[in-house]
Amino acid sequence: MTPSLMRQLWSLVDSSQSEWLQDLDDQHLENWLVSQMESRTQTLDAISMDDQALRHYIQNHLLLIRELADYSMSPVF
């Protein structure tokens, strides 16, 4: 997976509604992130070639994605 795709993925996670991310199960969250990446990426061929790597990366980082979503829902003191 390229650094550019990684940046785009984490930007997507950061800009997404945290409550909504928390409500999805792992499979739906993975599928939603992949579909959003495909729609946001201008070079669809590049992401198609990297689809398995993207899915693997997301699967390995689901806990972190959920922790970030949980953190952004926490009240700021």
PDB file of N, CA and C in Angstrom:
ATOM      1  N   MET A   1       0.850  -1.174   0.000  1.00  0.00           N
ATOM      2  CA  MET A   1       0.000   0.000   0.000  1.00  0.00           C
ATOM      3  C   MET A   1       0.892   1.232   0.000  1.00  0.00           C
ATOM      4  N   THR A   2       0.550   2.178  -0.840  1.00  0.00           N
ATOM      5  CA  THR A   2       1.390   3.364  -0.978  1.00  0.00           C
ATOM      6  C   THR A   2       1.157   4.343   0.173  1.00  0.00           C
ATOM      7  N   PRO A   3       2.150   5.174   0.468  1.00  0.00           N
ATOM      8  CA  PRO A   3       1.973   6.196   1.504  1.00  0.00           C
ATOM      9  C   PRO A   3       0.806   7.142   1.193  1.00  0.00           C
ATOM     10  N   SER A   4       0.598   7.426  -0.075  1.00  0.00           N
ATOM     11  CA  SER A   4      -0.506   8.301  -0.472  1.00  0.00           C
ATOM     12  C   SER A   4      -1.858   7.694  -0.098  1.00  0.00           C
ATOM     13  N   LEU A   5      -2.032   6.405  -0.358  1.00  0.00           N
ATOM     14  CA  LEU A   5      -3.282   5.737   0.009  1.00  0.00           C
ATOM     15  C   LEU A   5      -3.453   5.686   1.523  1.00  0.00           C
ATOM     16  N   MET A   6      -2.362   5.498   2.236  1.00  0.00           N
ATOM     17  CA  MET A   6      -2.434   5.478   3.697  1.00  0.00           C
ATOM     18  C   MET A   6      -2.899   6.839   4.218  1.00  0.00           C
ATOM     19  N   ARG A   7      -2.342   7.909   3.666  1.00  0.00           N
ATOM     20  CA  ARG A   7      -2.756   9.256   4.085  1.00  0.00           C
ATOM     21  C   ARG A   7      -4.233   9.483   3.794  1.00  0.00           C
ATOM     22  N   GLN A   8      -4.671   9.051   2.605  1.00  0.00           N
ATOM     23  CA  GLN A   8      -6.078   9.219   2.235  1.00  0.00           C
ATOM     24  C   GLN A   8      -6.994   8.432   3.170  1.00  0.00           C
ATOM     25  N   LEU A   9      -6.589   7.227   3.519  1.00  0.00           N
ATOM     26  CA  LEU A   9      -7.400   6.405   4.418  1.00  0.00           C
ATOM     27  C   LEU A   9      -7.537   7.067   5.783  1.00  0.00           C
ATOM     28  N   TRP A  10      -6.432   7.519   6.366  1.00  0.00           N
ATOM     29  CA  TRP A  10      -6.493   8.116   7.699  1.00  0.00           C
ATOM     30  C   TRP A  10      -7.215   9.458   7.670  1.00  0.00           C
ATOM     31  N   SER A  11      -7.126  10.170   6.572  1.00  0.00           N
ATOM     32  CA  SER A  11      -7.898  11.400   6.416  1.00  0.00           C
ATOM     33  C   SER A  11      -9.389  11.084   6.379  1.00  0.00           C
ATOM     34  N   LEU A  12      -9.748  10.021   5.680  1.00  0.00           N
ATOM     35  CA  LEU A  12     -11.139   9.574   5.618  1.00  0.00           C
ATOM     36  C   LEU A  12     -11.643   9.195   7.006  1.00  0.00           C
ATOM     37  N   VAL A  13     -10.854   8.429   7.737  1.00  0.00           N
ATOM     38  CA  VAL A  13     -11.240   8.022   9.096  1.00  0.00           C
ATOM     39  C   VAL A  13     -11.428   9.256   9.971  1.00  0.00           C
ATOM     40  N   ASP A  14     -10.505  10.201   9.859  1.00  0.00           N
ATOM     41  CA  ASP A  14     -10.550  11.413  10.671  1.00  0.00           C
ATOM     42  C   ASP A  14     -11.772  12.274  10.353  1.00  0.00           C
ATOM     43  N   SER A  15     -12.166  12.308   9.090  1.00  0.00           N
ATOM     44  CA  SER A  15     -13.278  13.176   8.685  1.00  0.00           C
ATOM     45  C   SER A  15     -14.644  12.502   8.787  1.00  0.00           C
ATOM     46  N   SER A  16     -14.667  11.218   9.079  1.00  0.00           N
ATOM     47  CA  SER A  16     -15.933  10.484   9.164  1.00  0.00           C
ATOM     48  C   SER A  16     -16.591  10.698  10.521  1.00  0.00           C
ATOM     49  N   GLN A  17     -17.901  10.517  10.554  1.00  0.00           N
ATOM     50  CA  GLN A  17     -18.630  10.658  11.813  1.00  0.00           C
ATOM     51  C   GLN A  17     -18.295   9.481  12.727  1.00  0.00           C
ATOM     52  N   SER A  18     -17.750   9.797  13.872  1.00  0.00           N
ATOM     53  CA  SER A  18     -17.264   8.778  14.804  1.00  0.00           C
ATOM     54  C   SER A  18     -18.358   7.833  15.270  1.00  0.00           C
ATOM     55  N   GLU A  19     -19.525   8.382  15.582  1.00  0.00           N
ATOM     56  CA  GLU A  19     -20.619   7.535  16.054  1.00  0.00           C
ATOM     57  C   GLU A  19     -20.985   6.492  15.015  1.00  0.00           C
ATOM     58  N   TRP A  20     -21.003   6.933  13.779  1.00  0.00           N
ATOM     59  CA  TRP A  20     -21.372   6.038  12.686  1.00  0.00           C
ATOM     60  C   TRP A  20     -20.333   4.936  12.525  1.00  0.00           C
ATOM     61  N   LEU A  21     -19.050   5.290  12.612  1.00  0.00           N
ATOM     62  CA  LEU A  21     -17.985   4.287  12.505  1.00  0.00           C
ATOM     63  C   LEU A  21     -18.107   3.251  13.614  1.00  0.00           C
ATOM     64  N   GLN A  22     -18.460   3.702  14.803  1.00  0.00           N
ATOM     65  CA  GLN A  22     -18.584   2.797  15.941  1.00  0.00           C
ATOM     66  C   GLN A  22     -19.766   1.839  15.787  1.00  0.00           C
ATOM     67  N   ASP A  23     -20.786   2.268  15.065  1.00  0.00           N
ATOM     68  CA  ASP A  23     -21.991   1.441  14.918  1.00  0.00           C
ATOM     69  C   ASP A  23     -21.824   0.294  13.927  1.00  0.00           C
ATOM     70  N   LEU A  24     -20.852   0.392  13.027  1.00  0.00           N
ATOM     71  CA  LEU A  24     -20.658  -0.648  12.016  1.00  0.00           C
ATOM     72  C   LEU A  24     -19.880  -1.829  12.586  1.00  0.00           C
ATOM     73  N   ASP A  25     -20.242  -3.045  12.167  1.00  0.00           N
ATOM     74  CA  ASP A  25     -19.417  -4.192  12.548  1.00  0.00           C
ATOM     75  C   ASP A  25     -18.152  -4.183  11.681  1.00  0.00           C
ATOM     76  N   ASP A  26     -17.205  -5.032  12.006  1.00  0.00           N
ATOM     77  CA  ASP A  26     -15.904  -5.005  11.329  1.00  0.00           C
ATOM     78  C   ASP A  26     -16.015  -5.150   9.817  1.00  0.00           C
ATOM     79  N   GLN A  27     -16.813  -6.096   9.356  1.00  0.00           N
ATOM     80  CA  GLN A  27     -16.932  -6.341   7.912  1.00  0.00           C
ATOM     81  C   GLN A  27     -17.551  -5.146   7.189  1.00  0.00           C
ATOM     82  N   HIS A  28     -18.597  -4.573   7.765  1.00  0.00           N
ATOM     83  CA  HIS A  28     -19.236  -3.416   7.138  1.00  0.00           C
ATOM     84  C   HIS A  28     -18.321  -2.192   7.173  1.00  0.00           C
ATOM     85  N   LEU A  29     -17.587  -2.026   8.245  1.00  0.00           N
ATOM     86  CA  LEU A  29     -16.649  -0.908   8.332  1.00  0.00           C
ATOM     87  C   LEU A  29     -15.561  -1.052   7.272  1.00  0.00           C
ATOM     88  N   GLU A  30     -15.012  -2.238   7.146  1.00  0.00           N
ATOM     89  CA  GLU A  30     -13.991  -2.488   6.125  1.00  0.00           C
ATOM     90  C   GLU A  30     -14.545  -2.207   4.727  1.00  0.00           C
ATOM     91  N   ASN A  31     -15.721  -2.749   4.424  1.00  0.00           N
ATOM     92  CA  ASN A  31     -16.321  -2.542   3.103  1.00  0.00           C
ATOM     93  C   ASN A  31     -16.619  -1.074   2.841  1.00  0.00           C
ATOM     94  N   TRP A  32     -17.104  -0.362   3.850  1.00  0.00           N
ATOM     95  CA  TRP A  32     -17.417   1.049   3.680  1.00  0.00           C
ATOM     96  C   TRP A  32     -16.146   1.857   3.407  1.00  0.00           C
ATOM     97  N   LEU A  33     -15.092   1.584   4.176  1.00  0.00           N
ATOM     98  CA  LEU A  33     -13.838   2.308   3.969  1.00  0.00           C
ATOM     99  C   LEU A  33     -13.270   2.044   2.576  1.00  0.00           C
ATOM    100  N   VAL A  34     -13.302   0.798   2.128  1.00  0.00           N
ATOM    101  CA  VAL A  34     -12.795   0.463   0.791  1.00  0.00           C
ATOM    102  C   VAL A  34     -13.623   1.169  -0.275  1.00  0.00           C
ATOM    103  N   SER A  35     -14.941   1.149  -0.151  1.00  0.00           N
ATOM    104  CA  SER A  35     -15.781   1.799  -1.169  1.00  0.00           C
ATOM    105  C   SER A  35     -15.571   3.308  -1.176  1.00  0.00           C
ATOM    106  N   GLN A  36     -15.395   3.903  -0.004  1.00  0.00           N
ATOM    107  CA  GLN A  36     -15.117   5.339   0.057  1.00  0.00           C
ATOM    108  C   GLN A  36     -13.767   5.666  -0.564  1.00  0.00           C
ATOM    109  N   MET A  37     -12.786   4.827  -0.309  1.00  0.00           N
ATOM    110  CA  MET A  37     -11.466   5.041  -0.910  1.00  0.00           C
ATOM    111  C   MET A  37     -11.542   4.928  -2.425  1.00  0.00           C
ATOM    112  N   GLU A  38     -12.297   3.961  -2.917  1.00  0.00           N
ATOM    113  CA  GLU A  38     -12.439   3.802  -4.364  1.00  0.00           C
ATOM    114  C   GLU A  38     -13.113   5.018  -4.979  1.00  0.00           C
ATOM    115  N   SER A  39     -14.114   5.565  -4.306  1.00  0.00           N
ATOM    116  CA  SER A  39     -14.820   6.718  -4.861  1.00  0.00           C
ATOM    117  C   SER A  39     -13.998   8.001  -4.748  1.00  0.00           C
ATOM    118  N   ARG A  40     -13.098   8.071  -3.783  1.00  0.00           N
ATOM    119  CA  ARG A  40     -12.283   9.277  -3.598  1.00  0.00           C
ATOM    120  C   ARG A  40     -10.973   9.247  -4.375  1.00  0.00           C
ATOM    121  N   THR A  41     -10.566   8.081  -4.782  1.00  0.00           N
ATOM    122  CA  THR A  41      -9.288   7.954  -5.474  1.00  0.00           C
ATOM    123  C   THR A  41      -9.482   8.216  -6.953  1.00  0.00           C
ATOM    124  N   GLN A  42      -8.686   9.108  -7.486  1.00  0.00           N
ATOM    125  CA  GLN A  42      -8.823   9.472  -8.895  1.00  0.00           C
ATOM    126  C   GLN A  42      -8.332   8.366  -9.810  1.00  0.00           C
ATOM    127  N   THR A  43      -7.323   7.648  -9.389  1.00  0.00           N
ATOM    128  CA  THR A  43      -6.788   6.577 -10.227  1.00  0.00           C
ATOM    129  C   THR A  43      -7.324   5.248  -9.729  1.00  0.00           C
ATOM    130  N   LEU A  44      -8.465   4.881 -10.239  1.00  0.00           N
ATOM    131  CA  LEU A  44      -9.116   3.652  -9.783  1.00  0.00           C
ATOM    132  C   LEU A  44      -8.280   2.415 -10.067  1.00  0.00           C
ATOM    133  N   ASP A  45      -7.492   2.447 -11.135  1.00  0.00           N
ATOM    134  CA  ASP A  45      -6.643   1.299 -11.439  1.00  0.00           C
ATOM    135  C   ASP A  45      -5.637   1.071 -10.322  1.00  0.00           C
ATOM    136  N   ALA A  46      -5.106   2.147  -9.773  1.00  0.00           N
ATOM    137  CA  ALA A  46      -4.112   2.023  -8.702  1.00  0.00           C
ATOM    138  C   ALA A  46      -4.728   1.381  -7.468  1.00  0.00           C
ATOM    139  N   ILE A  47      -5.944   1.802  -7.120  1.00  0.00           N
ATOM    140  CA  ILE A  47      -6.553   1.221  -5.925  1.00  0.00           C
ATOM    141  C   ILE A  47      -7.023  -0.199  -6.189  1.00  0.00           C
ATOM    142  N   SER A  48      -7.421  -0.512  -7.413  1.00  0.00           N
ATOM    143  CA  SER A  48      -7.826  -1.881  -7.732  1.00  0.00           C
ATOM    144  C   SER A  48      -6.650  -2.828  -7.556  1.00  0.00           C
ATOM    145  N   MET A  49      -5.484  -2.387  -7.975  1.00  0.00           N
ATOM    146  CA  MET A  49      -4.296  -3.210  -7.817  1.00  0.00           C
ATOM    147  C   MET A  49      -3.956  -3.364  -6.339  1.00  0.00           C
ATOM    148  N   ASP A  50      -4.303  -2.371  -5.547  1.00  0.00           N
ATOM    149  CA  ASP A  50      -3.962  -2.357  -4.135  1.00  0.00           C
ATOM    150  C   ASP A  50      -5.127  -2.777  -3.243  1.00  0.00           C
ATOM    151  N   ASP A  51      -6.216  -3.257  -3.829  1.00  0.00           N
ATOM    152  CA  ASP A  51      -7.423  -3.569  -3.064  1.00  0.00           C
ATOM    153  C   ASP A  51      -7.154  -4.559  -1.933  1.00  0.00           C
ATOM    154  N   GLN A  52      -6.454  -5.619  -2.215  1.00  0.00           N
ATOM    155  CA  GLN A  52      -6.167  -6.619  -1.175  1.00  0.00           C
ATOM    156  C   GLN A  52      -5.262  -6.039  -0.094  1.00  0.00           C
ATOM    157  N   ALA A  53      -4.287  -5.254  -0.504  1.00  0.00           N
ATOM    158  CA  ALA A  53      -3.395  -4.630   0.474  1.00  0.00           C
ATOM    159  C   ALA A  53      -4.170  -3.644   1.344  1.00  0.00           C
ATOM    160  N   LEU A  54      -5.081  -2.901   0.723  1.00  0.00           N
ATOM    161  CA  LEU A  54      -5.906  -1.952   1.471  1.00  0.00           C
ATOM    162  C   LEU A  54      -6.784  -2.687   2.481  1.00  0.00           C
ATOM    163  N   ARG A  55      -7.437  -3.745   2.044  1.00  0.00           N
ATOM    164  CA  ARG A  55      -8.288  -4.528   2.950  1.00  0.00           C
ATOM    165  C   ARG A  55      -7.462  -5.121   4.102  1.00  0.00           C
ATOM    166  N   HIS A  56      -6.295  -5.629   3.787  1.00  0.00           N
ATOM    167  CA  HIS A  56      -5.425  -6.208   4.814  1.00  0.00           C
ATOM    168  C   HIS A  56      -5.003  -5.127   5.817  1.00  0.00           C
ATOM    169  N   TYR A  57      -4.639  -3.965   5.313  1.00  0.00           N
ATOM    170  CA  TYR A  57      -4.224  -2.857   6.174  1.00  0.00           C
ATOM    171  C   TYR A  57      -5.373  -2.443   7.099  1.00  0.00           C
ATOM    172  N   ILE A  58      -6.576  -2.308   6.525  1.00  0.00           N
ATOM    173  CA  ILE A  58      -7.741  -1.925   7.328  1.00  0.00           C
ATOM    174  C   ILE A  58      -8.018  -2.980   8.394  1.00  0.00           C
ATOM    175  N   GLN A  59      -7.992  -4.250   8.016  1.00  0.00           N
ATOM    176  CA  GLN A  59      -8.244  -5.330   8.979  1.00  0.00           C
ATOM    177  C   GLN A  59      -7.258  -5.272  10.138  1.00  0.00           C
ATOM    178  N   ASN A  60      -6.000  -4.985   9.826  1.00  0.00           N
ATOM    179  CA  ASN A  60      -4.972  -4.935  10.863  1.00  0.00           C
ATOM    180  C   ASN A  60      -5.049  -3.682  11.726  1.00  0.00           C
ATOM    181  N   HIS A  61      -5.806  -2.677  11.273  1.00  0.00           N
ATOM    182  CA  HIS A  61      -5.887  -1.420  12.013  1.00  0.00           C
ATOM    183  C   HIS A  61      -7.303  -1.098  12.497  1.00  0.00           C
ATOM    184  N   LEU A  62      -8.203  -2.081  12.458  1.00  0.00           N
ATOM    185  CA  LEU A  62      -9.580  -1.833  12.898  1.00  0.00           C
ATOM    186  C   LEU A  62      -9.645  -1.363  14.350  1.00  0.00           C
ATOM    187  N   LEU A  63      -8.850  -1.945  15.207  1.00  0.00           N
ATOM    188  CA  LEU A  63      -8.862  -1.535  16.610  1.00  0.00           C
ATOM    189  C   LEU A  63      -8.452  -0.066  16.741  1.00  0.00           C
ATOM    190  N   LEU A  64      -7.407   0.335  16.043  1.00  0.00           N
ATOM    191  CA  LEU A  64      -6.960   1.723  16.095  1.00  0.00           C
ATOM    192  C   LEU A  64      -8.018   2.658  15.508  1.00  0.00           C
ATOM    193  N   ILE A  65      -8.646   2.258  14.409  1.00  0.00           N
ATOM    194  CA  ILE A  65      -9.707   3.066  13.800  1.00  0.00           C
ATOM    195  C   ILE A  65     -10.837   3.269  14.809  1.00  0.00           C
ATOM    196  N   ARG A  66     -11.215   2.205  15.488  1.00  0.00           N
ATOM    197  CA  ARG A  66     -12.292   2.302  16.481  1.00  0.00           C
ATOM    198  C   ARG A  66     -11.866   3.138  17.696  1.00  0.00           C
ATOM    199  N   GLU A  67     -10.616   3.021  18.112  1.00  0.00           N
ATOM    200  CA  GLU A  67     -10.128   3.824  19.234  1.00  0.00           C
ATOM    201  C   GLU A  67     -10.125   5.306  18.885  1.00  0.00           C
ATOM    202  N   LEU A  68      -9.721   5.640  17.663  1.00  0.00           N
ATOM    203  CA  LEU A  68      -9.738   7.037  17.230  1.00  0.00           C
ATOM    204  C   LEU A  68     -11.165   7.574  17.176  1.00  0.00           C
ATOM    205  N   ALA A  69     -12.084   6.763  16.683  1.00  0.00           N
ATOM    206  CA  ALA A  69     -13.488   7.177  16.632  1.00  0.00           C
ATOM    207  C   ALA A  69     -14.020   7.383  18.051  1.00  0.00           C
ATOM    208  N   ASP A  70     -13.672   6.488  18.954  1.00  0.00           N
ATOM    209  CA  ASP A  70     -14.107   6.597  20.343  1.00  0.00           C
ATOM    210  C   ASP A  70     -13.514   7.838  20.998  1.00  0.00           C
ATOM    211  N   TYR A  71     -12.250   8.098  20.734  1.00  0.00           N
ATOM    212  CA  TYR A  71     -11.565   9.257  21.307  1.00  0.00           C
ATOM    213  C   TYR A  71     -12.205  10.559  20.829  1.00  0.00           C
ATOM    214  N   SER A  72     -12.563  10.616  19.545  1.00  0.00           N
ATOM    215  CA  SER A  72     -13.132  11.855  19.020  1.00  0.00           C
ATOM    216  C   SER A  72     -14.551  12.092  19.540  1.00  0.00           C
ATOM    217  N   MET A  73     -15.198  11.045  20.074  1.00  0.00           N
ATOM    218  CA  MET A  73     -16.531  11.209  20.668  1.00  0.00           C
ATOM    219  C   MET A  73     -16.439  11.627  22.135  1.00  0.00           C
ATOM    220  N   SER A  74     -15.262  11.493  22.738  1.00  0.00           N
ATOM    221  CA  SER A  74     -15.090  11.820  24.153  1.00  0.00           C
ATOM    222  C   SER A  74     -15.167  13.333  24.357  1.00  0.00           C
ATOM    223  N   PRO A  75     -15.769  13.765  25.470  1.00  0.00           N
ATOM    224  CA  PRO A  75     -15.835  15.211  25.738  1.00  0.00           C
ATOM    225  C   PRO A  75     -14.449  15.767  26.035  1.00  0.00           C
ATOM    226  N   VAL A  76     -14.232  16.986  25.597  1.00  0.00           N
ATOM    227  CA  VAL A  76     -12.954  17.664  25.831  1.00  0.00           C
ATOM    228  C   VAL A  76     -13.085  18.498  27.094  1.00  0.00           C
ATOM    229  N   PHE A  77     -12.125  18.348  27.995  1.00  0.00           N
ATOM    230  CA  PHE A  77     -12.157  19.091  29.253  1.00  0.00           C
ATOM    231  C   PHE A  77     -11.182  20.214  29.217  1.00  0.00           C
TER     232      PHE A  77
END
